[in-house]
PDB file of all heavy atoms in Angstrom:
ATOM      1  N   SER A   1      81.406 109.203  70.090  1.00  0.00           N
ATOM      2  CA  SER A   1      82.707 109.768  70.005  1.00  0.00           C
ATOM      3  C   SER A   1      83.642 108.564  69.461  1.00  0.00           C
ATOM      4  O   SER A   1      84.463 108.055  70.247  1.00  0.00           O
ATOM      5  CB  SER A   1      83.265 110.294  71.272  1.00  0.00           C
ATOM      6  OG  SER A   1      84.471 110.881  71.109  1.00  0.00           O
ATOM      7  N   SER A   2      83.524 108.375  68.151  1.00  0.00           N
ATOM      8  CA  SER A   2      84.214 107.248  67.504  1.00  0.00           C
ATOM      9  C   SER A   2      85.852 107.408  67.604  1.00  0.00           C
ATOM     10  O   SER A   2      86.502 106.449  67.781  1.00  0.00           O
ATOM     11  CB  SER A   2      83.754 107.094  66.080  1.00  0.00           C
ATOM     12  OG  SER A   2      82.472 106.774  66.081  1.00  0.00           O
ATOM     13  N   GLU A   3      86.208 108.690  67.372  1.00  0.00           N
ATOM     14  CA  GLU A   3      87.684 108.833  67.338  1.00  0.00           C
ATOM     15  C   GLU A   3      88.360 108.591  68.699  1.00  0.00           C
ATOM     16  O   GLU A   3      89.394 107.957  68.884  1.00  0.00           O
ATOM     17  CB  GLU A   3      87.943 110.285  66.915  1.00  0.00           C
ATOM     18  CG  GLU A   3      87.721 110.576  65.473  1.00  0.00           C
ATOM     19  CD  GLU A   3      88.550 109.753  64.544  1.00  0.00           C
ATOM     20  OE1 GLU A   3      89.626 109.387  64.971  1.00  0.00           O
ATOM     21  OE2 GLU A   3      88.080 109.454  63.402  1.00  0.00           O
ATOM     22  N   ARG A   4      87.619 108.923  69.812  1.00  0.00           N
ATOM     23  CA  ARG A   4      88.131 108.752  71.145  1.00  0.00           C
ATOM     24  C   ARG A   4      87.972 107.230  71.397  1.00  0.00           C
ATOM     25  O   ARG A   4      88.833 106.602  72.110  1.00  0.00           O
ATOM     26  CB  ARG A   4      87.304 109.525  72.197  1.00  0.00           C
ATOM     27  CG  ARG A   4      87.635 111.030  72.168  1.00  0.00           C
ATOM     28  CD  ARG A   4      86.984 111.670  73.294  1.00  0.00           C
ATOM     29  NE  ARG A   4      87.348 113.084  73.347  1.00  0.00           N
ATOM     30  CZ  ARG A   4      86.767 114.002  74.163  1.00  0.00           C
ATOM     31  NH1 ARG A   4      86.039 113.564  75.168  1.00  0.00           N
ATOM     32  NH2 ARG A   4      87.216 115.231  74.242  1.00  0.00           N
ATOM     33  N   GLY A   5      87.029 106.599  70.883  1.00  0.00           N
ATOM     34  CA  GLY A   5      86.862 105.138  71.037  1.00  0.00           C
ATOM     35  C   GLY A   5      87.976 104.467  70.371  1.00  0.00           C
ATOM     36  O   GLY A   5      88.675 103.488  70.882  1.00  0.00           O
ATOM     37  N   LEU A   6      88.343 104.926  69.163  1.00  0.00           N
ATOM     38  CA  LEU A   6      89.502 104.331  68.421  1.00  0.00           C
ATOM     39  C   LEU A   6      90.791 104.398  69.241  1.00  0.00           C
ATOM     40  O   LEU A   6      91.514 103.471  69.381  1.00  0.00           O
ATOM     41  CB  LEU A   6      89.732 105.053  67.061  1.00  0.00           C
ATOM     42  CG  LEU A   6      88.940 104.521  65.893  1.00  0.00           C
ATOM     43  CD1 LEU A   6      89.089 105.559  64.744  1.00  0.00           C
ATOM     44  CD2 LEU A   6      89.317 103.203  65.467  1.00  0.00           C
ATOM     45  N   THR A   7      91.017 105.589  69.851  1.00  0.00           N
ATOM     46  CA  THR A   7      92.133 105.787  70.595  1.00  0.00           C
ATOM     47  C   THR A   7      92.140 104.793  71.758  1.00  0.00           C
ATOM     48  O   THR A   7      93.363 104.277  72.174  1.00  0.00           O
ATOM     49  CB  THR A   7      92.247 107.334  71.217  1.00  0.00           C
ATOM     50  OG1 THR A   7      92.191 108.233  70.173  1.00  0.00           O
ATOM     51  CG2 THR A   7      93.425 107.468  72.080  1.00  0.00           C
ATOM     52  N   CYS A   8      91.179 104.530  72.424  1.00  0.00           N
ATOM     53  CA  CYS A   8      91.121 103.690  73.602  1.00  0.00           C
ATOM     54  C   CYS A   8      91.387 102.201  73.089  1.00  0.00           C
ATOM     55  O   CYS A   8      92.106 101.486  73.823  1.00  0.00           O
ATOM     56  CB  CYS A   8      89.684 103.734  74.294  1.00  0.00           C
ATOM     57  SG  CYS A   8      89.384 105.347  75.081  1.00  0.00           S
ATOM     58  N   PHE A   9      90.763 101.728  72.189  1.00  0.00           N
ATOM     59  CA  PHE A   9      90.955 100.364  71.696  1.00  0.00           C
ATOM     60  C   PHE A   9      92.434 100.147  71.207  1.00  0.00           C
ATOM     61  O   PHE A   9      93.019  98.999  71.550  1.00  0.00           O
ATOM     62  CB  PHE A   9      89.919 100.018  70.462  1.00  0.00           C
ATOM     63  CG  PHE A   9      88.484  99.969  70.935  1.00  0.00           C
ATOM     64  CD1 PHE A   9      87.571 100.768  70.176  1.00  0.00           C
ATOM     65  CD2 PHE A   9      88.142  99.189  72.009  1.00  0.00           C
ATOM     66  CE1 PHE A   9      86.233 100.740  70.649  1.00  0.00           C
ATOM     67  CE2 PHE A   9      86.764  99.189  72.373  1.00  0.00           C
ATOM     68  CZ  PHE A   9      85.846  99.909  71.676  1.00  0.00           C
ATOM     69  N   ARG A  10      92.898 101.162  70.544  1.00  0.00           N
ATOM     70  CA  ARG A  10      94.388 101.046  70.161  1.00  0.00           C
ATOM     71  C   ARG A  10      95.215 100.992  71.316  1.00  0.00           C
ATOM     72  O   ARG A  10      96.350 100.267  71.371  1.00  0.00           O
ATOM     73  CB  ARG A  10      94.760 102.249  69.251  1.00  0.00           C
ATOM     74  CG  ARG A  10      94.189 102.011  67.794  1.00  0.00           C
ATOM     75  CD  ARG A  10      94.435 103.296  67.004  1.00  0.00           C
ATOM     76  NE  ARG A  10      93.929 102.998  65.579  1.00  0.00           N
ATOM     77  CZ  ARG A  10      93.587 103.947  64.772  1.00  0.00           C
ATOM     78  NH1 ARG A  10      93.503 105.231  65.186  1.00  0.00           N
ATOM     79  NH2 ARG A  10      93.222 103.663  63.509  1.00  0.00           N
ATOM     80  N   LYS A  11      94.922 101.724  72.330  1.00  0.00           N
ATOM     81  CA  LYS A  11      95.782 101.598  73.629  1.00  0.00           C
ATOM     82  C   LYS A  11      95.668 100.299  74.248  1.00  0.00           C
ATOM     83  O   LYS A  11      96.558  99.780  74.740  1.00  0.00           O
ATOM     84  CB  LYS A  11      95.250 102.707  74.527  1.00  0.00           C
ATOM     85  CG  LYS A  11      95.950 102.801  75.921  1.00  0.00           C
ATOM     86  CD  LYS A  11      97.355 103.214  75.803  1.00  0.00           C
ATOM     87  CE  LYS A  11      97.975 103.368  77.262  1.00  0.00           C
ATOM     88  NZ  LYS A  11      99.439 103.834  77.073  1.00  0.00           N
ATOM     89  N   ALA A  12      94.376  99.764  74.279  1.00  0.00           N
ATOM     90  CA  ALA A  12      94.124  98.410  74.882  1.00  0.00           C
ATOM     91  C   ALA A  12      94.985  97.350  74.209  1.00  0.00           C
ATOM     92  O   ALA A  12      95.568  96.542  74.837  1.00  0.00           O
ATOM     93  CB  ALA A  12      92.667  98.070  74.791  1.00  0.00           C
ATOM     94  N   LYS A  13      94.970  97.389  72.816  1.00  0.00           N
ATOM     95  CA  LYS A  13      95.680  96.381  72.162  1.00  0.00           C
ATOM     96  C   LYS A  13      97.264  96.466  72.215  1.00  0.00           C
ATOM     97  O   LYS A  13      97.934  95.553  72.139  1.00  0.00           O
ATOM     98  CB  LYS A  13      95.292  96.282  70.704  1.00  0.00           C
ATOM     99  CG  LYS A  13      95.736  97.332  69.756  1.00  0.00           C
ATOM    100  CD  LYS A  13      95.249  97.131  68.280  1.00  0.00           C
ATOM    101  CE  LYS A  13      95.774  98.104  67.338  1.00  0.00           C
ATOM    102  NZ  LYS A  13      97.246  97.966  67.163  1.00  0.00           N
ATOM    103  N   SER A  14      97.619  97.739  72.488  1.00  0.00           N
ATOM    104  CA  SER A  14      99.154  98.000  72.647  1.00  0.00           C
ATOM    105  C   SER A  14      99.568  97.494  73.986  1.00  0.00           C
ATOM    106  O   SER A  14     100.704  97.099  74.125  1.00  0.00           O
ATOM    107  CB  SER A  14      99.396  99.440  72.473  1.00  0.00           C
ATOM    108  OG  SER A  14      99.052 100.198  73.643  1.00  0.00           O
ATOM    109  N   ILE A  15      98.633  97.355  74.970  1.00  0.00           N
ATOM    110  CA  ILE A  15      98.931  96.944  76.293  1.00  0.00           C
ATOM    111  C   ILE A  15      98.988  95.384  76.284  1.00  0.00           C
ATOM    112  O   ILE A  15      99.869  94.724  76.844  1.00  0.00           O
ATOM    113  CB  ILE A  15      97.954  97.405  77.277  1.00  0.00           C
ATOM    114  CG1 ILE A  15      98.130  98.958  77.537  1.00  0.00           C
ATOM    115  CG2 ILE A  15      98.065  96.697  78.691  1.00  0.00           C
ATOM    116  CD1 ILE A  15      97.016  99.652  78.342  1.00  0.00           C
ATOM    117  N   ASP A  16      97.955  94.829  75.616  1.00  0.00           N
ATOM    118  CA  ASP A  16      97.763  93.357  75.500  1.00  0.00           C
ATOM    119  C   ASP A  16      97.420  92.972  74.128  1.00  0.00           C
ATOM    120  O   ASP A  16      96.267  92.959  73.760  1.00  0.00           O
ATOM    121  CB  ASP A  16      96.758  92.905  76.600  1.00  0.00           C
ATOM    122  CG  ASP A  16      96.697  91.372  76.624  1.00  0.00           C
ATOM    123  OD1 ASP A  16      97.308  90.693  75.801  1.00  0.00           O
ATOM    124  OD2 ASP A  16      95.938  90.907  77.575  1.00  0.00           O
ATOM    125  N   SER A  17      98.442  92.469  73.398  1.00  0.00           N
ATOM    126  CA  SER A  17      98.125  92.118  71.983  1.00  0.00           C
ATOM    127  C   SER A  17      97.446  90.801  71.797  1.00  0.00           C
ATOM    128  O   SER A  17      97.118  90.372  70.751  1.00  0.00           O
ATOM    129  CB  SER A  17      99.480  92.143  71.228  1.00  0.00           C
ATOM    130  OG  SER A  17     100.386  91.112  71.803  1.00  0.00           O
ATOM    131  N   SER A  18      97.136  90.184  72.967  1.00  0.00           N
ATOM    132  CA  SER A  18      96.390  88.839  72.869  1.00  0.00           C
ATOM    133  C   SER A  18      94.965  88.989  73.444  1.00  0.00           C
ATOM    134  O   SER A  18      94.259  87.994  73.554  1.00  0.00           O
ATOM    135  CB  SER A  18      97.060  87.833  73.751  1.00  0.00           C
ATOM    136  OG  SER A  18      97.089  88.139  75.049  1.00  0.00           O
ATOM    137  N   TYR A  19      94.561  90.308  73.681  1.00  0.00           N
ATOM    138  CA  TYR A  19      93.181  90.579  74.270  1.00  0.00           C
ATOM    139  C   TYR A  19      92.217  90.769  73.104  1.00  0.00           C
ATOM    140  O   TYR A  19      92.109  91.908  72.546  1.00  0.00           O
ATOM    141  CB  TYR A  19      93.255  91.674  75.151  1.00  0.00           C
ATOM    142  CG  TYR A  19      91.980  92.006  75.943  1.00  0.00           C
ATOM    143  CD1 TYR A  19      91.432  91.015  76.771  1.00  0.00           C
ATOM    144  CD2 TYR A  19      91.441  93.271  75.973  1.00  0.00           C
ATOM    145  CE1 TYR A  19      90.253  91.226  77.381  1.00  0.00           C
ATOM    146  CE2 TYR A  19      90.321  93.534  76.734  1.00  0.00           C
ATOM    147  CZ  TYR A  19      89.715  92.466  77.455  1.00  0.00           C
ATOM    148  OH  TYR A  19      88.517  92.793  78.188  1.00  0.00           O
ATOM    149  N   ALA A  20      91.458  89.715  72.784  1.00  0.00           N
ATOM    150  CA  ALA A  20      90.494  89.753  71.656  1.00  0.00           C
ATOM    151  C   ALA A  20      89.484  90.858  71.658  1.00  0.00           C
ATOM    152  O   ALA A  20      89.179  91.513  70.624  1.00  0.00           O
ATOM    153  CB  ALA A  20      89.895  88.398  71.490  1.00  0.00           C
ATOM    154  N   PRO A  21      88.872  91.201  72.910  1.00  0.00           N
ATOM    155  CA  PRO A  21      87.833  92.250  72.926  1.00  0.00           C
ATOM    156  C   PRO A  21      88.409  93.561  72.490  1.00  0.00           C
ATOM    157  O   PRO A  21      87.632  94.435  71.931  1.00  0.00           O
ATOM    158  CB  PRO A  21      87.426  92.237  74.412  1.00  0.00           C
ATOM    159  CG  PRO A  21      87.673  90.910  74.908  1.00  0.00           C
ATOM    160  CD  PRO A  21      88.915  90.461  74.231  1.00  0.00           C
ATOM    161  N   ALA A  22      89.737  93.868  72.676  1.00  0.00           N
ATOM    162  CA  ALA A  22      90.309  94.971  72.173  1.00  0.00           C
ATOM    163  C   ALA A  22      90.315  95.227  70.754  1.00  0.00           C
ATOM    164  O   ALA A  22      89.882  96.271  70.204  1.00  0.00           O
ATOM    165  CB  ALA A  22      91.774  95.218  72.718  1.00  0.00           C
ATOM    166  N   PHE A  23      90.480  94.036  70.042  1.00  0.00           N
ATOM    167  CA  PHE A  23      90.612  94.035  68.604  1.00  0.00           C
ATOM    168  C   PHE A  23      89.042  94.031  68.015  1.00  0.00           C
ATOM    169  O   PHE A  23      88.847  94.711  67.106  1.00  0.00           O
ATOM    170  CB  PHE A  23      91.300  92.808  68.007  1.00  0.00           C
ATOM    171  CG  PHE A  23      92.774  92.931  68.177  1.00  0.00           C
ATOM    172  CD1 PHE A  23      93.342  92.399  69.384  1.00  0.00           C
ATOM    173  CD2 PHE A  23      93.535  93.543  67.259  1.00  0.00           C
ATOM    174  CE1 PHE A  23      94.701  92.477  69.539  1.00  0.00           C
ATOM    175  CE2 PHE A  23      94.953  93.605  67.400  1.00  0.00           C
ATOM    176  CZ  PHE A  23      95.469  93.117  68.490  1.00  0.00           C
ATOM    177  N   SER A  24      88.196  93.373  68.700  1.00  0.00           N
ATOM    178  CA  SER A  24      86.685  93.402  68.285  1.00  0.00           C
ATOM    179  C   SER A  24      86.211  94.888  68.423  1.00  0.00           C
ATOM    180  O   SER A  24      85.512  95.383  67.557  1.00  0.00           O
ATOM    181  CB  SER A  24      85.914  92.452  69.160  1.00  0.00           C
ATOM    182  OG  SER A  24      84.614  92.528  68.815  1.00  0.00           O
ATOM    183  N   GLY A  25      86.583  95.488  69.567  1.00  0.00           N
ATOM    184  CA  GLY A  25      86.092  96.882  69.757  1.00  0.00           C
ATOM    185  C   GLY A  25      86.739  97.874  68.704  1.00  0.00           C
ATOM    186  O   GLY A  25      86.072  98.751  68.165  1.00  0.00           O
ATOM    187  N   LEU A  26      88.030  97.554  68.375  1.00  0.00           N
ATOM    188  CA  LEU A  26      88.737  98.410  67.410  1.00  0.00           C
ATOM    189  C   LEU A  26      88.000  98.254  66.008  1.00  0.00           C
ATOM    190  O   LEU A  26      87.811  99.225  65.317  1.00  0.00           O
ATOM    191  CB  LEU A  26      90.214  97.937  67.277  1.00  0.00           C
ATOM    192  CG  LEU A  26      91.011  98.579  66.211  1.00  0.00           C
ATOM    193  CD1 LEU A  26      91.035 100.199  66.470  1.00  0.00           C
ATOM    194  CD2 LEU A  26      92.401  98.010  66.177  1.00  0.00           C
ATOM    195  N   GLY A  27      87.581  97.021  65.745  1.00  0.00           N
ATOM    196  CA  GLY A  27      86.895  96.732  64.582  1.00  0.00           C
ATOM    197  C   GLY A  27      85.593  97.552  64.441  1.00  0.00           C
ATOM    198  O   GLY A  27      85.125  98.151  63.406  1.00  0.00           O
TER     199      GLY A  27
END
């Protein structure tokens, strides 16, 4: 479920813009 995954990673980076795993997961 890539679209739901995208939503989760975007939420994570909006909470913590310095959290590298959120951006890696988003990629």
